[in-house]
């Protein structure tokens, strides 16, 4: 799914309901504007959908952003 995450220093669980239709730009805006975090940091950001059974993970690696949906 996300590949090798052994070098990730932090995992953030973004609280609240996230519109799962959002892509890179929308999720980056939440990370940056709402939580004042750096989306380019060595971290994985987990977002939860409305029904709490779906997750999206956003991670920046050496090749760019990886956006991985996980369905229940």
PDB file of N, CA and C in Angstrom:
ATOM      1  N   UNK A   1       0.839  -1.189   0.000  1.00  0.00           N
ATOM      2  CA  UNK A   1       0.000   0.000   0.000  1.00  0.00           C
ATOM      3  C   UNK A   1       0.873   1.237   0.000  1.00  0.00           C
ATOM      4  N   UNK A   2       1.510   1.573   1.095  1.00  0.00           N
ATOM      5  CA  UNK A   2       2.332   2.774   1.175  1.00  0.00           C
ATOM      6  C   UNK A   2       3.809   2.490   0.975  1.00  0.00           C
ATOM      7  N   UNK A   3       4.176   1.249   0.857  1.00  0.00           N
ATOM      8  CA  UNK A   3       5.583   0.932   0.714  1.00  0.00           C
ATOM      9  C   UNK A   3       6.286   0.872   2.054  1.00  0.00           C
ATOM     10  N   UNK A   4       7.582   1.172   2.040  1.00  0.00           N
ATOM     11  CA  UNK A   4       8.392   1.086   3.251  1.00  0.00           C
ATOM     12  C   UNK A   4       8.211   2.338   4.101  1.00  0.00           C
ATOM     13  N   UNK A   5       7.649   2.155   5.280  1.00  0.00           N
ATOM     14  CA  UNK A   5       7.430   3.265   6.201  1.00  0.00           C
ATOM     15  C   UNK A   5       8.361   3.191   7.403  1.00  0.00           C
ATOM     16  N   UNK A   6       9.412   2.399   7.309  1.00  0.00           N
ATOM     17  CA  UNK A   6      10.304   2.220   8.450  1.00  0.00           C
ATOM     18  C   UNK A   6      11.031   3.509   8.828  1.00  0.00           C
ATOM     19  N   UNK A   7      11.202   4.433   7.894  1.00  0.00           N
ATOM     20  CA  UNK A   7      11.891   5.680   8.187  1.00  0.00           C
ATOM     21  C   UNK A   7      10.983   6.810   8.642  1.00  0.00           C
ATOM     22  N   UNK A   8       9.680   6.557   8.732  1.00  0.00           N
ATOM     23  CA  UNK A   8       8.728   7.595   9.135  1.00  0.00           C
ATOM     24  C   UNK A   8       8.921   7.910  10.613  1.00  0.00           C
ATOM     25  N   UNK A   9       9.010   9.199  10.915  1.00  0.00           N
ATOM     26  CA  UNK A   9       9.261   9.581  12.303  1.00  0.00           C
ATOM     27  C   UNK A   9       7.987   9.778  13.123  1.00  0.00           C
ATOM     28  N   UNK A  10       6.867  10.125  12.464  1.00  0.00           N
ATOM     29  CA  UNK A  10       5.626  10.379  13.203  1.00  0.00           C
ATOM     30  C   UNK A  10       4.421   9.916  12.396  1.00  0.00           C
ATOM     31  N   UNK A  11       3.370   9.576  13.122  1.00  0.00           N
ATOM     32  CA  UNK A  11       2.078   9.266  12.520  1.00  0.00           C
ATOM     33  C   UNK A  11       1.056  10.175  13.174  1.00  0.00           C
ATOM     34  N   UNK A  12       0.329  10.926  12.356  1.00  0.00           N
ATOM     35  CA  UNK A  12      -0.698  11.831  12.854  1.00  0.00           C
ATOM     36  C   UNK A  12      -2.061  11.308  12.438  1.00  0.00           C
ATOM     37  N   UNK A  13      -2.979  11.242  13.381  1.00  0.00           N
ATOM     38  CA  UNK A  13      -4.366  10.906  13.095  1.00  0.00           C
ATOM     39  C   UNK A  13      -5.128  12.213  13.115  1.00  0.00           C
ATOM     40  N   UNK A  14      -5.635  12.596  11.953  1.00  0.00           N
ATOM     41  CA  UNK A  14      -6.364  13.856  11.821  1.00  0.00           C
ATOM     42  C   UNK A  14      -7.784  13.621  12.316  1.00  0.00           C
ATOM     43  N   UNK A  15      -8.175  14.338  13.339  1.00  0.00           N
ATOM     44  CA  UNK A  15      -9.465  14.106  13.983  1.00  0.00           C
ATOM     45  C   UNK A  15     -10.607  14.723  13.181  1.00  0.00           C
ATOM     46  N   UNK A  16     -11.796  14.237  13.444  1.00  0.00           N
ATOM     47  CA  UNK A  16     -12.982  14.750  12.773  1.00  0.00           C
ATOM     48  C   UNK A  16     -13.239  13.991  11.482  1.00  0.00           C
ATOM     49  N   UNK A  17     -14.305  14.365  10.831  1.00  0.00           N
ATOM     50  CA  UNK A  17     -14.690  13.733   9.573  1.00  0.00           C
ATOM     51  C   UNK A  17     -14.072  14.486   8.405  1.00  0.00           C
ATOM     52  N   UNK A  18     -13.473  13.749   7.525  1.00  0.00           N
ATOM     53  CA  UNK A  18     -12.852  14.332   6.345  1.00  0.00           C
ATOM     54  C   UNK A  18     -13.638  13.933   5.114  1.00  0.00           C
ATOM     55  N   UNK A  19     -13.838  14.876   4.215  1.00  0.00           N
ATOM     56  CA  UNK A  19     -14.466  14.585   2.930  1.00  0.00           C
ATOM     57  C   UNK A  19     -13.493  13.708   2.146  1.00  0.00           C
ATOM     58  N   UNK A  20     -13.847  12.446   1.963  1.00  0.00           N
ATOM     59  CA  UNK A  20     -12.941  11.494   1.342  1.00  0.00           C
ATOM     60  C   UNK A  20     -12.778  11.715  -0.160  1.00  0.00           C
ATOM     61  N   UNK A  21     -13.494  12.676  -0.718  1.00  0.00           N
ATOM     62  CA  UNK A  21     -13.302  13.023  -2.128  1.00  0.00           C
ATOM     63  C   UNK A  21     -12.087  13.919  -2.326  1.00  0.00           C
ATOM     64  N   UNK A  22     -11.554  14.449  -1.229  1.00  0.00           N
ATOM     65  CA  UNK A  22     -10.391  15.334  -1.327  1.00  0.00           C
ATOM     66  C   UNK A  22      -9.175  14.554  -1.807  1.00  0.00           C
ATOM     67  N   UNK A  23      -8.333  15.248  -2.572  1.00  0.00           N
ATOM     68  CA  UNK A  23      -7.106  14.652  -3.065  1.00  0.00           C
ATOM     69  C   UNK A  23      -5.922  15.316  -2.376  1.00  0.00           C
ATOM     70  N   UNK A  24      -4.755  15.273  -2.995  1.00  0.00           N
ATOM     71  CA  UNK A  24      -3.535  15.809  -2.395  1.00  0.00           C
ATOM     72  C   UNK A  24      -3.700  17.237  -1.882  1.00  0.00           C
ATOM     73  N   UNK A  25      -4.147  18.119  -2.750  1.00  0.00           N
ATOM     74  CA  UNK A  25      -4.224  19.538  -2.402  1.00  0.00           C
ATOM     75  C   UNK A  25      -5.161  19.806  -1.234  1.00  0.00           C
ATOM     76  N   UNK A  26      -6.322  19.186  -1.237  1.00  0.00           N
ATOM     77  CA  UNK A  26      -7.284  19.399  -0.160  1.00  0.00           C
ATOM     78  C   UNK A  26      -6.802  18.865   1.168  1.00  0.00           C
ATOM     79  N   UNK A  27      -6.188  17.689   1.143  1.00  0.00           N
ATOM     80  CA  UNK A  27      -5.676  17.105   2.386  1.00  0.00           C
ATOM     81  C   UNK A  27      -4.464  17.880   2.889  1.00  0.00           C
ATOM     82  N   UNK A  28      -3.617  18.333   1.986  1.00  0.00           N
ATOM     83  CA  UNK A  28      -2.472  19.164   2.380  1.00  0.00           C
ATOM     84  C   UNK A  28      -2.937  20.463   3.028  1.00  0.00           C
ATOM     85  N   UNK A  29      -4.017  21.047   2.504  1.00  0.00           N
ATOM     86  CA  UNK A  29      -4.556  22.286   3.074  1.00  0.00           C
ATOM     87  C   UNK A  29      -5.044  22.060   4.505  1.00  0.00           C
ATOM     88  N   UNK A  30      -5.672  20.921   4.764  1.00  0.00           N
ATOM     89  CA  UNK A  30      -6.112  20.612   6.129  1.00  0.00           C
ATOM     90  C   UNK A  30      -4.911  20.500   7.056  1.00  0.00           C
ATOM     91  N   UNK A  31      -3.892  19.779   6.615  1.00  0.00           N
ATOM     92  CA  UNK A  31      -2.685  19.597   7.432  1.00  0.00           C
ATOM     93  C   UNK A  31      -2.035  20.942   7.733  1.00  0.00           C
ATOM     94  N   UNK A  32      -1.898  21.757   6.702  1.00  0.00           N
ATOM     95  CA  UNK A  32      -1.179  23.028   6.823  1.00  0.00           C
ATOM     96  C   UNK A  32      -2.005  24.092   7.535  1.00  0.00           C
ATOM     97  N   UNK A  33      -3.240  24.289   7.132  1.00  0.00           N
ATOM     98  CA  UNK A  33      -4.038  25.419   7.618  1.00  0.00           C
ATOM     99  C   UNK A  33      -4.747  25.140   8.944  1.00  0.00           C
ATOM    100  N   UNK A  34      -5.295  23.957   9.108  1.00  0.00           N
ATOM    101  CA  UNK A  34      -6.042  23.648  10.320  1.00  0.00           C
ATOM    102  C   UNK A  34      -5.130  23.240  11.469  1.00  0.00           C
ATOM    103  N   UNK A  35      -4.147  22.400  11.173  1.00  0.00           N
ATOM    104  CA  UNK A  35      -3.300  21.852  12.232  1.00  0.00           C
ATOM    105  C   UNK A  35      -1.907  22.471  12.280  1.00  0.00           C
ATOM    106  N   UNK A  36      -1.617  23.360  11.353  1.00  0.00           N
ATOM    107  CA  UNK A  36      -0.330  24.062  11.287  1.00  0.00           C
ATOM    108  C   UNK A  36       0.853  23.095  11.330  1.00  0.00           C
ATOM    109  N   UNK A  37       0.733  22.023  10.544  1.00  0.00           N
ATOM    110  CA  UNK A  37       1.796  21.042  10.407  1.00  0.00           C
ATOM    111  C   UNK A  37       2.367  21.125   8.999  1.00  0.00           C
ATOM    112  N   UNK A  38       3.536  20.547   8.802  1.00  0.00           N
ATOM    113  CA  UNK A  38       4.197  20.558   7.507  1.00  0.00           C
ATOM    114  C   UNK A  38       3.850  19.278   6.742  1.00  0.00           C
ATOM    115  N   UNK A  39       3.092  19.369   5.636  1.00  0.00           N
ATOM    116  CA  UNK A  39       2.737  18.164   4.894  1.00  0.00           C
ATOM    117  C   UNK A  39       3.945  17.470   4.262  1.00  0.00           C
ATOM    118  N   UNK A  40       5.073  18.173   4.151  1.00  0.00           N
ATOM    119  CA  UNK A  40       6.280  17.592   3.570  1.00  0.00           C
ATOM    120  C   UNK A  40       7.177  16.931   4.619  1.00  0.00           C
ATOM    121  N   UNK A  41       6.761  16.926   5.862  1.00  0.00           N
ATOM    122  CA  UNK A  41       7.551  16.325   6.940  1.00  0.00           C
ATOM    123  C   UNK A  41       7.615  14.808   6.759  1.00  0.00           C
ATOM    124  N   UNK A  42       8.528  14.202   7.439  1.00  0.00           N
ATOM    125  CA  UNK A  42       8.686  12.749   7.394  1.00  0.00           C
ATOM    126  C   UNK A  42       7.639  12.116   8.309  1.00  0.00           C
ATOM    127  N   UNK A  43       6.388  12.158   7.864  1.00  0.00           N
ATOM    128  CA  UNK A  43       5.268  11.694   8.679  1.00  0.00           C
ATOM    129  C   UNK A  43       4.184  11.108   7.785  1.00  0.00           C
ATOM    130  N   UNK A  44       3.317  10.332   8.395  1.00  0.00           N
ATOM    131  CA  UNK A  44       2.122   9.818   7.730  1.00  0.00           C
ATOM    132  C   UNK A  44       0.928  10.480   8.393  1.00  0.00           C
ATOM    133  N   UNK A  45       0.007  10.971   7.580  1.00  0.00           N
ATOM    134  CA  UNK A  45      -1.209  11.617   8.065  1.00  0.00           C
ATOM    135  C   UNK A  45      -2.391  10.724   7.709  1.00  0.00           C
ATOM    136  N   UNK A  46      -3.159  10.331   8.713  1.00  0.00           N
ATOM    137  CA  UNK A  46      -4.317   9.469   8.507  1.00  0.00           C
ATOM    138  C   UNK A  46      -5.591  10.286   8.648  1.00  0.00           C
ATOM    139  N   UNK A  47      -6.480  10.145   7.684  1.00  0.00           N
ATOM    140  CA  UNK A  47      -7.756  10.852   7.665  1.00  0.00           C
ATOM    141  C   UNK A  47      -8.878   9.821   7.713  1.00  0.00           C
ATOM    142  N   UNK A  48      -9.928  10.138   8.457  1.00  0.00           N
ATOM    143  CA  UNK A  48     -11.064   9.238   8.637  1.00  0.00           C
ATOM    144  C   UNK A  48     -12.285   9.797   7.912  1.00  0.00           C
ATOM    145  N   UNK A  49     -13.021   8.911   7.261  1.00  0.00           N
ATOM    146  CA  UNK A  49     -14.235   9.312   6.567  1.00  0.00           C
ATOM    147  C   UNK A  49     -15.419   9.444   7.507  1.00  0.00           C
ATOM    148  N   UNK A  50     -16.561   9.770   6.927  1.00  0.00           N
ATOM    149  CA  UNK A  50     -17.763  10.013   7.708  1.00  0.00           C
ATOM    150  C   UNK A  50     -18.236   8.780   8.460  1.00  0.00           C
ATOM    151  N   UNK A  51     -18.142   7.604   7.838  1.00  0.00           N
ATOM    152  CA  UNK A  51     -18.654   6.404   8.492  1.00  0.00           C
ATOM    153  C   UNK A  51     -17.620   5.712   9.386  1.00  0.00           C
ATOM    154  N   UNK A  52     -16.462   6.304   9.559  1.00  0.00           N
ATOM    155  CA  UNK A  52     -15.403   5.825  10.457  1.00  0.00           C
ATOM    156  C   UNK A  52     -14.851   4.452  10.082  1.00  0.00           C
ATOM    157  N   UNK A  53     -15.163   3.984   8.889  1.00  0.00           N
ATOM    158  CA  UNK A  53     -14.613   2.711   8.449  1.00  0.00           C
ATOM    159  C   UNK A  53     -13.627   2.880   7.302  1.00  0.00           C
ATOM    160  N   UNK A  54     -13.509   4.084   6.796  1.00  0.00           N
ATOM    161  CA  UNK A  54     -12.611   4.339   5.675  1.00  0.00           C
ATOM    162  C   UNK A  54     -11.503   5.294   6.101  1.00  0.00           C
ATOM    163  N   UNK A  55     -10.308   4.986   5.673  1.00  0.00           N
ATOM    164  CA  UNK A  55      -9.152   5.822   5.973  1.00  0.00           C
ATOM    165  C   UNK A  55      -8.450   6.203   4.682  1.00  0.00           C
ATOM    166  N   UNK A  56      -7.797   7.362   4.728  1.00  0.00           N
ATOM    167  CA  UNK A  56      -6.868   7.756   3.683  1.00  0.00           C
ATOM    168  C   UNK A  56      -5.569   8.107   4.368  1.00  0.00           C
ATOM    169  N   UNK A  57      -4.485   7.694   3.768  1.00  0.00           N
ATOM    170  CA  UNK A  57      -3.167   7.993   4.320  1.00  0.00           C
ATOM    171  C   UNK A  57      -2.417   8.857   3.318  1.00  0.00           C
ATOM    172  N   UNK A  58      -1.796   9.911   3.807  1.00  0.00           N
ATOM    173  CA  UNK A  58      -0.995  10.807   2.973  1.00  0.00           C
ATOM    174  C   UNK A  58       0.419  10.814   3.524  1.00  0.00           C
ATOM    175  N   UNK A  59       1.373  10.598   2.620  1.00  0.00           N
ATOM    176  CA  UNK A  59       2.780  10.530   3.018  1.00  0.00           C
ATOM    177  C   UNK A  59       3.629  11.114   1.900  1.00  0.00           C
ATOM    178  N   UNK A  60       4.631  11.907   2.266  1.00  0.00           N
ATOM    179  CA  UNK A  60       5.570  12.447   1.298  1.00  0.00           C
ATOM    180  C   UNK A  60       6.843  11.623   1.365  1.00  0.00           C
ATOM    181  N   UNK A  61       7.199  10.982   0.243  1.00  0.00           N
ATOM    182  CA  UNK A  61       8.456  10.247   0.202  1.00  0.00           C
ATOM    183  C   UNK A  61       9.381  10.888  -0.822  1.00  0.00           C
ATOM    184  N   UNK A  62      10.484  10.273  -1.102  1.00  0.00           N
ATOM    185  CA  UNK A  62      11.495  10.886  -1.969  1.00  0.00           C
ATOM    186  C   UNK A  62      11.013  11.136  -3.395  1.00  0.00           C
ATOM    187  N   UNK A  63       9.984  10.422  -3.830  1.00  0.00           N
ATOM    188  CA  UNK A  63       9.457  10.589  -5.185  1.00  0.00           C
ATOM    189  C   UNK A  63       8.250  11.501  -5.265  1.00  0.00           C
ATOM    190  N   UNK A  64       7.719  11.937  -4.136  1.00  0.00           N
ATOM    191  CA  UNK A  64       6.536  12.789  -4.113  1.00  0.00           C
ATOM    192  C   UNK A  64       5.522  12.258  -3.122  1.00  0.00           C
ATOM    193  N   UNK A  65       4.291  12.704  -3.266  1.00  0.00           N
ATOM    194  CA  UNK A  65       3.244  12.301  -2.339  1.00  0.00           C
ATOM    195  C   UNK A  65       2.657  10.946  -2.717  1.00  0.00           C
ATOM    196  N   UNK A  66       2.303  10.206  -1.677  1.00  0.00           N
ATOM    197  CA  UNK A  66       1.600   8.940  -1.828  1.00  0.00           C
ATOM    198  C   UNK A  66       0.270   9.112  -1.111  1.00  0.00           C
ATOM    199  N   UNK A  67      -0.810   8.873  -1.827  1.00  0.00           N
ATOM    200  CA  UNK A  67      -2.146   8.965  -1.255  1.00  0.00           C
ATOM    201  C   UNK A  67      -2.762   7.579  -1.360  1.00  0.00           C
ATOM    202  N   UNK A  68      -3.007   6.969  -0.240  1.00  0.00           N
ATOM    203  CA  UNK A  68      -3.491   5.587  -0.237  1.00  0.00           C
ATOM    204  C   UNK A  68      -4.850   5.497   0.430  1.00  0.00           C
ATOM    205  N   UNK A  69      -5.863   5.144  -0.350  1.00  0.00           N
ATOM    206  CA  UNK A  69      -7.178   4.912   0.270  1.00  0.00           C
ATOM    207  C   UNK A  69      -7.247   3.505   0.832  1.00  0.00           C
ATOM    208  N   UNK A  70      -7.923   3.375   1.925  1.00  0.00           N
ATOM    209  CA  UNK A  70      -8.141   2.063   2.534  1.00  0.00           C
ATOM    210  C   UNK A  70      -9.635   1.924   2.756  1.00  0.00           C
ATOM    211  N   UNK A  71     -10.231   0.910   2.158  1.00  0.00           N
ATOM    212  CA  UNK A  71     -11.666   0.704   2.291  1.00  0.00           C
ATOM    213  C   UNK A  71     -11.937  -0.413   3.268  1.00  0.00           C
ATOM    214  N   UNK A  72     -13.073  -0.297   3.941  1.00  0.00           N
ATOM    215  CA  UNK A  72     -13.451  -1.306   4.936  1.00  0.00           C
ATOM    216  C   UNK A  72     -13.923  -2.566   4.264  1.00  0.00           C
TER     217      UNK A  72
END
